[in-house]
Amino acid sequence: MILQCLTCWLGFFEAQPEKRSLGQYFIWSKMPNSKTDINNRGGFSTDMIGANHEYPEGSYEKRKEIIDAHTLYTQSLLYFYKTDPRVPKELQDAIQEWGYPKDEYVDTENWTPQLYVREVRRMVGEYVMTQANCVGDKVVEDGVGMAAYTMDSHNIQRVVLEKDGKKMVKNEGNVEEGGFGPYPIAYRSIIPKASEAKNLFVPVALSASHIAYGSIRMEPVFMVLGQSAAVAASLALDEGQSVQEVSIQKLQGELRSNPLADGSTAEILVDNDDEGVVVTGDWGVQNRHGYGPTLLKNAGKDNSINTVRFSPKVVENGKYDIYVYFSGTEDASSQTKIIISDGNAEKEVVVKESDIRVEGQTRGEWVNVGAHTLEVGTNPFVTVSTEGADGAVVADAVLWVPAK
């Protein structure tokens, strides 16, 4: 298998002589501390296509065999890139700068012991999440977490076809369908049918179709669903109820009012789609690559001053750290003016594009613009302005975080 794949790699290089950067063969995302998060990209990459089929029903021994095969494949691929003289020089020179992290996985020779298993067997519960939920055709009312990722599944097999007397290699199974905003995940999808079990929560292998699970299966979503399940378990114990009898209204209310489960004041998030956001001037609506379902964007090509004002509803006096979300855009202004009010006085902050640090597989970042003391009954706000802009300005979301 390894020899076959390396032969494919060499043919791939020959067929695409214009591709000469690591980013064209891998997703080579920058991470903090001079590290990278590598993922599959293109026809031949880190995916060991077809080698996973026996994993779901495999014994512990069979699963270990599959894990070991994936480890050998990936390590061999990296070694091939670093050492084989047939690898294009530009690629080999670039990968020479990289190695295993010396400060991680020290008990397993600096190599992760965990195989990434995206999807195996899943529960069929009280409700099955489907593509209709992802794209917004169906919206559940018992949501206990949000998902937002593209419906994404990698290739499942590699086949050799013949056409006009010539053989070609084709990968089959890749799906990447996006373009939709965040959507709620049903409480009923993380609990079993009442006829099968009454004391079980399944926040990871939840009840979802294959295509919907390809969107839901992100780690932050699992964290949220895990917390929601824990809160629901506490309510069930307190009330002496089965998991199916838990009040969804009470559960949703607890998640909103006490999101950290420690009695602390909840963060205040205001998105550009929320009521009370005041838009002045010419702002276009963009449906992708923002914090929520949409973002607002101004081209910044004239001298007019256009603004978007975000106003929080303060329920408890205190000091709050304020963050503004900056969604990446190619034609962004080199600076953005932010006006902050605590309800009594205003302060101006200029955020430079060069200071916004976006790393990993994301398109934006929260930027701290200062801390302010807020009081109930006042009218604080944060305004994003195009004044002084020399390019596009984005207005997306603002977050007020109670200071610890």
Protein backbone atom coordinates (compact mmCIF):
# COMPACT_ATOMS: atom_id res chain seq x y z
CA MET A 1 0.00 0.00 0.00
CA ILE A 2 2.78 2.45 0.92
CA LEU A 3 4.76 1.69 -2.26
CA GLN A 4 1.65 2.07 -4.35
CA CYS A 5 0.86 5.44 -2.79
CA LEU A 6 4.39 6.75 -3.26
CA THR A 7 4.20 5.78 -6.94
CA CYS A 8 0.97 7.76 -7.14
CA TRP A 9 2.66 10.73 -5.51
CA LEU A 10 5.46 10.74 -8.06
CA GLY A 11 2.94 10.61 -10.89
CA PHE A 12 1.03 13.43 -9.23
CA PHE A 13 4.14 15.63 -9.18
CA GLU A 14 4.78 14.95 -12.86
CA ALA A 15 1.17 15.69 -13.84
CA GLN A 16 1.12 19.01 -11.99
CA PRO A 17 4.52 20.64 -12.47
CA GLU A 18 3.11 24.07 -11.63
CA LYS A 19 2.25 23.06 -8.05
CA ARG A 20 5.29 23.69 -5.91
CA SER A 21 4.18 24.68 -2.40
CA LEU A 22 3.23 22.54 0.60
CA GLY A 23 -0.11 24.33 0.79
CA GLN A 24 -1.08 22.81 -2.54
CA TYR A 25 -0.70 19.24 -1.23
CA PHE A 26 -1.64 19.68 2.44
CA ILE A 27 -3.72 22.04 4.52
CA TRP A 28 -0.72 23.43 6.39
CA SER A 29 -2.37 25.76 8.92
CA LYS A 30 -0.32 27.96 11.22
CA MET A 31 -0.86 27.41 14.93
CA PRO A 32 0.61 29.17 17.99
CA ASN A 33 4.19 28.43 19.08
CA SER A 34 5.49 27.86 15.54
CA LYS A 35 3.39 24.73 15.05
CA THR A 36 1.07 23.57 12.32
CA ASP A 37 -2.17 21.64 12.04
CA ILE A 38 -1.92 19.43 8.94
CA ASN A 39 -4.93 18.14 7.04
CA ASN A 40 -5.69 16.48 3.73
CA ARG A 41 -5.74 18.46 0.48
CA GLY A 42 -6.00 17.33 -3.13
CA GLY A 43 -6.02 13.94 -4.80
CA PHE A 44 -3.19 12.39 -2.77
CA SER A 45 -2.49 13.65 0.73
CA THR A 46 -2.80 12.57 4.37
CA ASP A 47 -6.02 10.60 3.85
CA MET A 48 -5.39 6.86 3.64
CA ILE A 49 -8.42 6.38 1.41
CA GLY A 50 -10.36 3.15 1.91
CA ALA A 51 -8.26 1.81 4.78
CA ASN A 52 -10.87 2.64 7.42
CA HIS A 53 -13.79 0.50 6.27
CA GLU A 54 -13.41 -2.27 8.85
CA TYR A 55 -13.00 0.10 11.80
CA PRO A 56 -16.65 0.57 12.91
CA GLU A 57 -17.33 -3.15 13.50
CA GLY A 58 -13.73 -4.15 14.13
CA SER A 59 -12.42 -5.89 17.24
CA TYR A 60 -9.88 -4.13 19.45
CA GLU A 61 -7.16 -6.05 17.63
CA LYS A 62 -8.50 -5.07 14.19
CA ARG A 63 -8.81 -1.43 15.23
CA LYS A 64 -5.22 -1.40 16.50
CA GLU A 65 -4.11 -2.85 13.17
CA ILE A 66 -5.92 -0.04 11.34
CA ILE A 67 -4.46 2.61 13.64
CA ASP A 68 -0.95 1.26 13.12
CA ALA A 69 -1.46 1.24 9.35
CA HIS A 70 -2.52 4.88 9.37
CA THR A 71 0.46 5.81 11.52
CA LEU A 72 2.84 4.06 9.11
CA TYR A 73 1.17 5.70 6.11
CA THR A 74 1.38 9.23 7.52
CA GLN A 75 4.89 8.93 8.89
CA SER A 76 6.07 7.37 5.64
CA LEU A 77 4.51 10.19 3.67
CA LEU A 78 6.32 12.85 5.71
CA TYR A 79 9.59 10.91 5.54
CA PHE A 80 9.19 10.59 1.77
CA TYR A 81 8.74 14.34 1.43
CA LYS A 82 11.80 15.07 3.55
CA THR A 83 14.23 12.55 2.06
CA ASP A 84 13.33 11.27 -1.41
CA PRO A 85 15.38 13.02 -4.13
CA ARG A 86 12.47 12.69 -6.55
CA VAL A 87 10.38 15.15 -4.53
CA PRO A 88 10.48 18.62 -6.16
CA LYS A 89 13.17 20.75 -4.50
CA GLU A 90 10.80 23.57 -3.56
CA LEU A 91 8.61 21.18 -1.58
CA GLN A 92 11.50 19.37 0.06
CA ASP A 93 13.21 22.60 1.09
CA ALA A 94 9.97 23.85 2.67
CA ILE A 95 9.30 20.69 4.69
CA GLN A 96 12.86 20.52 6.05
CA GLU A 97 11.94 23.29 8.49
CA TRP A 98 9.41 21.03 10.21
CA GLY A 99 9.59 18.11 12.63
CA TYR A 100 7.65 16.41 15.40
CA PRO A 101 6.81 18.67 18.40
CA LYS A 102 9.42 18.04 21.08
CA ASP A 103 7.14 19.19 23.90
CA GLU A 104 4.09 17.08 22.99
CA TYR A 105 3.31 13.35 23.11
CA VAL A 106 6.57 12.73 24.92
CA ASP A 107 5.44 9.23 25.98
CA THR A 108 4.77 8.13 22.40
CA GLU A 109 7.89 9.38 20.60
CA ASN A 110 6.30 12.79 19.96
CA TRP A 111 3.57 11.27 17.78
CA THR A 112 -0.09 11.48 18.75
CA PRO A 113 -1.46 8.15 20.03
CA GLN A 114 -4.98 9.08 18.97
CA LEU A 115 -6.28 8.26 15.51
CA TYR A 116 -8.77 10.83 14.25
CA VAL A 117 -12.02 8.89 13.96
CA ARG A 118 -14.58 11.30 12.57
CA GLU A 119 -17.58 9.03 12.26
CA VAL A 120 -18.40 5.48 13.30
CA ARG A 121 -21.70 4.08 14.55
CA ARG A 122 -24.35 6.58 15.63
CA MET A 123 -27.47 6.38 17.74
CA VAL A 124 -30.93 6.55 16.19
CA GLY A 125 -32.66 8.63 18.83
CA GLU A 126 -35.86 10.56 19.41
CA TYR A 127 -34.96 12.85 16.49
CA VAL A 128 -32.54 12.42 13.59
CA MET A 129 -30.70 15.56 12.44
CA THR A 130 -30.57 15.74 8.63
CA GLN A 131 -29.44 17.99 5.80
CA ALA A 132 -32.75 19.85 6.07
CA ASN A 133 -31.71 21.01 9.56
CA CYS A 134 -28.26 22.08 8.37
CA VAL A 135 -29.53 24.28 5.54
CA GLY A 136 -32.40 25.74 7.56
CA ASP A 137 -35.32 24.05 5.80
CA LYS A 138 -36.26 22.58 9.19
CA VAL A 139 -35.49 24.44 12.42
CA VAL A 140 -35.90 22.57 15.70
CA GLU A 141 -37.35 24.31 18.74
CA ASP A 142 -35.51 22.18 21.32
CA GLY A 143 -32.02 23.36 20.36
CA VAL A 144 -29.29 22.89 23.00
CA GLY A 145 -26.27 23.85 20.91
CA MET A 146 -25.37 25.33 17.54
CA ALA A 147 -23.41 23.95 14.60
CA ALA A 148 -22.20 25.88 11.58
CA TYR A 149 -19.65 23.88 9.59
CA THR A 150 -19.92 22.81 5.96
CA MET A 151 -21.44 19.37 5.32
CA ASP A 152 -18.09 17.75 4.70
CA SER A 153 -17.00 14.16 4.08
CA HIS A 154 -13.75 12.94 2.54
CA ASN A 155 -13.26 10.41 -0.26
CA ILE A 156 -14.07 6.79 0.56
CA GLN A 157 -12.42 4.93 -2.29
CA ARG A 158 -9.86 5.28 -5.08
CA VAL A 159 -10.64 3.50 -8.34
CA VAL A 160 -8.88 2.97 -11.67
CA LEU A 161 -11.00 3.71 -14.75
CA GLU A 162 -10.31 3.24 -18.42
CA LYS A 163 -11.50 5.65 -21.11
CA ASP A 164 -10.51 5.66 -24.79
CA GLY A 165 -7.85 3.08 -24.02
CA LYS A 166 -6.27 5.20 -21.29
CA LYS A 167 -6.33 4.45 -17.59
CA MET A 168 -6.98 7.10 -14.98
CA VAL A 169 -7.24 7.21 -11.20
CA LYS A 170 -10.34 8.71 -9.61
CA ASN A 171 -11.23 9.39 -5.99
CA GLU A 172 -14.89 8.98 -5.03
CA GLY A 173 -17.00 10.18 -2.13
CA ASN A 174 -15.85 13.72 -1.37
CA VAL A 175 -18.67 16.06 -0.29
CA GLU A 176 -18.31 19.76 0.57
CA GLU A 177 -21.65 21.57 0.73
CA GLY A 178 -21.74 24.84 2.64
CA GLY A 179 -23.08 28.36 2.35
CA PHE A 180 -25.56 28.11 5.24
CA GLY A 181 -25.54 29.81 8.62
CA PRO A 182 -25.45 28.38 12.15
CA TYR A 183 -28.33 26.07 13.08
CA PRO A 184 -29.62 24.54 16.34
CA ILE A 185 -29.14 20.88 17.30
CA ALA A 186 -32.14 19.16 18.84
CA TYR A 187 -32.08 17.94 22.42
CA ARG A 188 -33.98 14.91 21.11
CA SER A 189 -30.98 14.01 18.94
CA ILE A 190 -28.71 13.43 21.96
CA ILE A 191 -31.15 11.16 23.81
CA PRO A 192 -32.38 7.66 22.87
CA LYS A 193 -35.94 6.61 22.24
CA ALA A 194 -37.82 6.21 25.50
CA SER A 195 -38.57 2.58 24.64
CA GLU A 196 -34.85 1.79 24.51
CA ALA A 197 -33.25 3.74 27.40
CA LYS A 198 -34.29 6.46 29.84
CA ASN A 199 -30.99 7.38 31.49
CA LEU A 200 -28.58 7.89 28.60
CA PHE A 201 -27.09 10.94 26.84
CA VAL A 202 -25.10 10.67 23.59
CA PRO A 203 -23.62 14.09 22.73
CA VAL A 204 -20.94 12.79 20.30
CA ALA A 205 -22.29 9.72 18.47
CA LEU A 206 -25.62 11.53 18.33
CA SER A 207 -28.63 10.81 16.17
CA ALA A 208 -27.79 12.31 12.77
CA SER A 209 -27.63 11.27 9.14
CA HIS A 210 -24.24 10.80 7.51
CA ILE A 211 -24.37 14.13 5.68
CA ALA A 212 -25.62 16.10 8.70
CA TYR A 213 -22.99 14.51 10.95
CA GLY A 214 -20.34 15.76 8.54
CA SER A 215 -21.32 19.27 9.63
CA ILE A 216 -22.10 18.68 13.31
CA ARG A 217 -18.93 16.69 14.15
CA MET A 218 -16.73 19.64 15.16
CA GLU A 219 -15.04 19.47 18.58
CA PRO A 220 -16.46 22.81 19.87
CA VAL A 221 -19.95 21.52 19.05
CA PHE A 222 -19.28 18.33 21.01
CA MET A 223 -18.13 20.46 23.95
CA VAL A 224 -21.37 22.44 23.90
CA LEU A 225 -23.52 19.32 23.57
CA GLY A 226 -21.56 17.66 26.36
CA GLN A 227 -22.28 20.59 28.67
CA SER A 228 -25.93 20.62 27.65
CA ALA A 229 -26.17 16.91 28.40
CA ALA A 230 -24.58 17.41 31.82
CA VAL A 231 -27.02 20.18 32.74
CA ALA A 232 -29.93 18.05 31.53
CA ALA A 233 -28.66 15.12 33.61
CA SER A 234 -28.62 17.34 36.70
CA LEU A 235 -32.19 18.49 36.03
CA ALA A 236 -33.32 14.88 35.52
CA LEU A 237 -31.75 13.81 38.81
CA ASP A 238 -33.18 16.77 40.71
CA GLU A 239 -36.70 16.13 39.39
CA GLY A 240 -36.54 12.34 39.43
CA GLN A 241 -37.26 12.25 35.70
CA SER A 242 -36.16 10.27 32.69
CA VAL A 243 -34.04 12.11 30.12
CA GLN A 244 -37.08 12.28 27.83
CA GLU A 245 -39.13 14.06 30.54
CA VAL A 246 -36.68 16.93 31.14
CA SER A 247 -38.29 20.33 30.48
CA ILE A 248 -36.61 21.76 27.39
CA GLN A 249 -37.70 25.27 28.43
CA LYS A 250 -36.03 24.90 31.82
CA LEU A 251 -32.90 23.42 30.21
CA GLN A 252 -32.63 26.19 27.61
CA GLY A 253 -33.20 28.83 30.28
CA GLU A 254 -30.39 27.41 32.43
CA LEU A 255 -28.00 27.29 29.48
CA ARG A 256 -28.73 30.93 28.63
CA SER A 257 -28.63 32.37 32.15
CA ASN A 258 -25.81 30.27 33.58
CA PRO A 259 -23.67 29.24 30.59
CA LEU A 260 -20.53 28.54 32.64
CA ALA A 261 -22.50 26.50 35.19
CA ASP A 262 -20.90 28.42 38.06
CA GLY A 263 -23.50 31.11 38.74
CA SER A 264 -21.41 33.83 37.12
CA THR A 265 -22.80 36.65 34.98
CA ALA A 266 -23.36 35.55 31.42
CA GLU A 267 -21.42 37.07 28.56
CA ILE A 268 -23.34 39.48 26.34
CA LEU A 269 -23.11 38.80 22.62
CA VAL A 270 -24.58 41.15 20.03
CA ASP A 271 -24.47 39.99 16.41
CA ASN A 272 -25.17 42.18 13.40
CA ASP A 273 -28.42 40.21 12.82
CA ASP A 274 -29.76 40.98 16.31
CA GLU A 275 -32.50 43.46 17.05
CA GLY A 276 -31.32 46.87 18.20
CA VAL A 277 -28.24 47.01 15.96
CA VAL A 278 -28.28 50.43 14.27
CA VAL A 279 -26.86 50.57 10.74
CA THR A 280 -26.01 53.92 9.15
CA GLY A 281 -24.83 54.28 5.57
CA ASP A 282 -24.05 51.80 2.83
CA TRP A 283 -23.37 48.30 4.17
CA GLY A 284 -23.72 45.13 2.16
CA VAL A 285 -24.76 41.79 3.66
CA GLN A 286 -22.36 38.87 3.23
CA ASN A 287 -23.64 35.35 3.97
CA ARG A 288 -20.35 33.53 4.52
CA HIS A 289 -17.15 33.68 6.52
CA GLY A 290 -18.58 35.68 9.42
CA TYR A 291 -19.24 34.97 13.08
CA GLY A 292 -22.98 34.32 12.71
CA PRO A 293 -25.31 33.80 9.77
CA THR A 294 -24.20 37.05 8.10
CA LEU A 295 -21.81 39.97 8.39
CA LEU A 296 -21.95 43.57 7.21
CA LYS A 297 -19.30 44.92 4.86
CA ASN A 298 -18.58 48.41 3.57
CA ALA A 299 -16.28 48.85 0.58
CA GLY A 300 -14.69 51.95 2.13
CA LYS A 301 -14.11 53.55 -1.26
CA ASP A 302 -15.61 56.99 -0.56
CA ASN A 303 -15.19 59.66 2.08
CA SER A 304 -18.58 59.15 3.73
CA ILE A 305 -18.70 57.90 7.31
CA ASN A 306 -20.74 54.72 7.72
CA THR A 307 -21.34 53.09 11.08
CA VAL A 308 -22.82 50.04 12.77
CA ARG A 309 -23.75 50.39 16.46
CA PHE A 310 -23.96 47.32 18.74
CA SER A 311 -25.78 47.85 22.07
CA PRO A 312 -25.76 45.28 24.88
CA LYS A 313 -28.51 44.71 27.42
CA VAL A 314 -26.74 44.97 30.79
CA VAL A 315 -28.36 42.91 33.57
CA GLU A 316 -25.64 43.25 36.21
CA ASN A 317 -23.27 46.08 37.13
CA GLY A 318 -19.60 45.33 36.71
CA LYS A 319 -16.45 45.53 34.67
CA TYR A 320 -16.54 43.95 31.22
CA ASP A 321 -13.81 43.11 28.74
CA ILE A 322 -14.98 44.06 25.25
CA TYR A 323 -14.13 42.09 22.11
CA VAL A 324 -14.91 42.94 18.50
CA TYR A 325 -14.97 40.16 15.90
CA PHE A 326 -12.95 40.86 12.76
CA SER A 327 -13.81 38.61 9.83
CA GLY A 328 -10.97 38.24 7.35
CA THR A 329 -11.40 39.88 3.96
CA GLU A 330 -8.83 40.26 1.19
CA ASP A 331 -9.45 43.96 0.59
CA ALA A 332 -9.55 44.95 4.26
CA SER A 333 -8.75 48.44 5.48
CA SER A 334 -5.37 48.75 7.18
CA GLN A 335 -7.20 50.15 10.20
CA THR A 336 -10.71 50.25 11.67
CA LYS A 337 -12.05 52.89 14.03
CA ILE A 338 -14.02 51.59 17.03
CA ILE A 339 -16.05 53.91 19.28
CA ILE A 340 -16.79 52.54 22.77
CA SER A 341 -19.30 53.96 25.23
CA ASP A 342 -19.94 52.82 28.79
CA GLY A 343 -23.22 54.70 28.77
CA ASN A 344 -21.65 57.90 30.08
CA ALA A 345 -18.50 58.68 28.10
CA GLU A 346 -17.08 57.65 24.74
CA LYS A 347 -13.60 56.43 23.82
CA GLU A 348 -12.06 55.81 20.40
CA VAL A 349 -9.82 52.84 19.57
CA VAL A 350 -8.09 52.17 16.25
CA VAL A 351 -7.52 48.50 15.43
CA LYS A 352 -4.79 47.86 12.88
CA GLU A 353 -5.25 45.01 10.43
CA SER A 354 -1.60 44.01 10.91
CA ASP A 355 -2.25 43.38 14.62
CA ILE A 356 -5.11 40.92 14.08
CA ARG A 357 -3.71 37.43 14.55
CA VAL A 358 -5.71 34.78 12.69
CA GLU A 359 -4.26 31.26 12.97
CA GLY A 360 -5.55 27.81 12.22
CA GLN A 361 -8.50 26.96 10.01
CA THR A 362 -10.55 30.06 10.75
CA ARG A 363 -11.33 33.29 8.94
CA GLY A 364 -11.60 35.76 11.79
CA GLU A 365 -10.57 36.64 15.30
CA TRP A 366 -11.89 38.33 18.44
CA VAL A 367 -9.87 41.46 19.26
CA ASN A 368 -9.88 42.96 22.78
CA VAL A 369 -10.61 46.69 22.59
CA GLY A 370 -10.49 47.41 26.33
CA ALA A 371 -12.36 47.00 29.60
CA HIS A 372 -15.20 49.24 30.80
CA THR A 373 -17.49 49.38 33.82
CA LEU A 374 -21.13 49.08 32.82
CA GLU A 375 -24.25 49.83 34.83
CA VAL A 376 -27.84 48.65 34.55
CA GLY A 377 -30.08 51.36 33.12
CA THR A 378 -27.41 53.04 31.01
CA ASN A 379 -27.04 52.72 27.25
CA PRO A 380 -23.53 51.47 26.46
CA PHE A 381 -22.55 50.64 22.90
CA VAL A 382 -19.71 49.78 20.53
CA THR A 383 -19.69 51.36 17.08
CA VAL A 384 -17.70 50.18 14.07
CA SER A 385 -16.93 53.12 11.79
CA THR A 386 -15.49 53.58 8.30
CA GLU A 387 -13.91 56.92 9.23
CA GLY A 388 -10.26 56.90 8.17
CA ALA A 389 -10.59 53.57 6.35
CA ASP A 390 -8.50 52.88 3.25
CA GLY A 391 -10.24 49.62 2.34
CA ALA A 392 -13.18 47.40 3.23
CA VAL A 393 -14.55 47.51 6.80
CA VAL A 394 -16.45 44.61 8.35
CA ALA A 395 -19.02 44.88 11.15
CA ASP A 396 -19.94 41.45 12.51
CA ALA A 397 -20.28 40.90 16.27
CA VAL A 398 -19.30 42.34 19.66
CA LEU A 399 -18.85 40.44 22.93
CA TRP A 400 -18.91 41.83 26.47
CA VAL A 401 -17.21 39.40 28.90
CA PRO A 402 -17.62 39.95 32.68
CA ALA A 403 -14.18 40.44 34.23
CA LYS A 404 -13.19 37.76 36.72
